[in-house]
Amino acid sequence: MTPKKKDKNLIKITHDLWIQMKYVESIKKAKQEVTQRNANEKV
């Protein structure tokens, strides 16, 4: 029965990592959009 708990922890870690990746992706996208906007305003 103990392996089940380990699996649950693994799933949680994977889930947390997935959330972190999504978060980082959205930040990168937002930064790119801001950079693009600034470039457009300078022209």
N, C-alpha and C. Protein backbone atom coordinates (compact mmCIF):
# COMPACT_ATOMS: atom_id res chain seq x y z
N MET A 1 0.82 -1.22 0.00
CA MET A 1 0.00 0.00 0.00
C MET A 1 0.86 1.28 0.00
N THR A 2 2.10 1.19 0.46
CA THR A 2 2.93 2.40 0.54
C THR A 2 3.24 3.02 -0.82
N PRO A 3 3.50 2.23 -1.87
CA PRO A 3 3.81 2.84 -3.17
C PRO A 3 2.76 3.83 -3.65
N LYS A 4 1.50 3.58 -3.30
CA LYS A 4 0.42 4.48 -3.72
C LYS A 4 0.69 5.91 -3.27
N LYS A 5 1.12 6.06 -2.02
CA LYS A 5 1.38 7.41 -1.50
C LYS A 5 2.53 8.05 -2.29
N LYS A 6 3.55 7.25 -2.60
CA LYS A 6 4.68 7.77 -3.36
C LYS A 6 4.20 8.26 -4.73
N ASP A 7 3.32 7.47 -5.36
CA ASP A 7 2.78 7.87 -6.66
C ASP A 7 2.03 9.19 -6.55
N LYS A 8 1.29 9.34 -5.48
CA LYS A 8 0.52 10.57 -5.29
C LYS A 8 1.46 11.77 -5.20
N ASN A 9 2.57 11.60 -4.45
CA ASN A 9 3.55 12.69 -4.32
C ASN A 9 4.17 13.01 -5.68
N LEU A 10 4.46 11.96 -6.44
CA LEU A 10 5.06 12.15 -7.76
C LEU A 10 4.11 12.93 -8.66
N ILE A 11 2.83 12.57 -8.60
CA ILE A 11 1.83 13.27 -9.40
C ILE A 11 1.76 14.74 -8.99
N LYS A 12 1.81 14.99 -7.69
CA LYS A 12 1.74 16.37 -7.20
C LYS A 12 2.94 17.17 -7.69
N ILE A 13 4.13 16.56 -7.60
CA ILE A 13 5.35 17.25 -8.05
C ILE A 13 5.25 17.56 -9.54
N THR A 14 4.82 16.57 -10.31
CA THR A 14 4.68 16.76 -11.76
C THR A 14 3.69 17.89 -12.04
N HIS A 15 2.60 17.89 -11.30
CA HIS A 15 1.57 18.91 -11.48
C HIS A 15 2.13 20.29 -11.15
N ASP A 16 2.87 20.39 -10.04
CA ASP A 16 3.47 21.67 -9.65
C ASP A 16 4.44 22.16 -10.72
N LEU A 17 5.25 21.23 -11.24
CA LEU A 17 6.20 21.60 -12.29
C LEU A 17 5.46 22.11 -13.52
N TRP A 18 4.37 21.42 -13.86
CA TRP A 18 3.57 21.80 -15.03
C TRP A 18 3.03 23.22 -14.84
N ILE A 19 2.51 23.51 -13.65
CA ILE A 19 1.98 24.85 -13.36
C ILE A 19 3.10 25.88 -13.48
N GLN A 20 4.27 25.55 -12.94
CA GLN A 20 5.41 26.47 -13.00
C GLN A 20 5.78 26.76 -14.45
N MET A 21 5.82 25.72 -15.28
CA MET A 21 6.16 25.90 -16.69
C MET A 21 5.16 26.81 -17.38
N LYS A 22 3.88 26.58 -17.12
CA LYS A 22 2.84 27.42 -17.72
C LYS A 22 3.02 28.87 -17.27
N TYR A 23 3.34 29.06 -15.99
CA TYR A 23 3.53 30.39 -15.42
C TYR A 23 4.69 31.09 -16.10
N VAL A 24 5.81 30.37 -16.24
CA VAL A 24 7.00 30.94 -16.88
C VAL A 24 6.69 31.29 -18.33
N GLU A 25 5.97 30.39 -19.01
CA GLU A 25 5.62 30.64 -20.41
C GLU A 25 4.80 31.92 -20.55
N SER A 26 3.82 32.09 -19.67
CA SER A 26 2.95 33.27 -19.77
C SER A 26 3.73 34.54 -19.46
N ILE A 27 4.69 34.46 -18.54
CA ILE A 27 5.52 35.64 -18.22
C ILE A 27 6.37 36.00 -19.44
N LYS A 28 6.98 34.98 -20.06
CA LYS A 28 7.80 35.24 -21.25
C LYS A 28 6.96 35.89 -22.34
N LYS A 29 5.76 35.37 -22.54
CA LYS A 29 4.87 35.91 -23.57
C LYS A 29 4.53 37.36 -23.26
N ALA A 30 4.23 37.65 -22.01
CA ALA A 30 3.88 39.01 -21.60
C ALA A 30 5.06 39.94 -21.82
N LYS A 31 6.26 39.49 -21.48
CA LYS A 31 7.46 40.32 -21.67
C LYS A 31 7.67 40.61 -23.15
N GLN A 32 7.46 39.59 -23.99
CA GLN A 32 7.63 39.78 -25.43
C GLN A 32 6.64 40.81 -25.95
N GLU A 33 5.40 40.72 -25.47
CA GLU A 33 4.37 41.67 -25.92
C GLU A 33 4.74 43.09 -25.51
N VAL A 34 5.24 43.25 -24.30
CA VAL A 34 5.64 44.58 -23.83
C VAL A 34 6.79 45.10 -24.67
N THR A 35 7.78 44.24 -24.93
CA THR A 35 8.92 44.64 -25.76
C THR A 35 8.45 45.06 -27.14
N GLN A 36 7.54 44.29 -27.70
CA GLN A 36 7.00 44.60 -29.03
C GLN A 36 6.30 45.96 -29.00
N ARG A 37 5.50 46.18 -27.97
CA ARG A 37 4.75 47.43 -27.86
C ARG A 37 5.71 48.61 -27.75
N ASN A 38 6.75 48.45 -26.93
CA ASN A 38 7.73 49.53 -26.76
C ASN A 38 8.42 49.83 -28.09
N ALA A 39 8.76 48.78 -28.83
CA ALA A 39 9.42 48.96 -30.12
C ALA A 39 8.50 49.71 -31.07
N ASN A 40 7.22 49.38 -31.05
CA ASN A 40 6.25 50.04 -31.93
C ASN A 40 6.09 51.51 -31.55
N GLU A 41 6.13 51.80 -30.26
CA GLU A 41 5.95 53.19 -29.82
C GLU A 41 7.16 54.05 -30.18
N LYS A 42 8.35 53.45 -30.15
CA LYS A 42 9.57 54.20 -30.44
C LYS A 42 9.61 54.65 -31.90
N VAL A 43 9.05 53.82 -32.77
CA VAL A 43 9.11 54.13 -34.22
C VAL A 43 8.29 55.38 -34.53
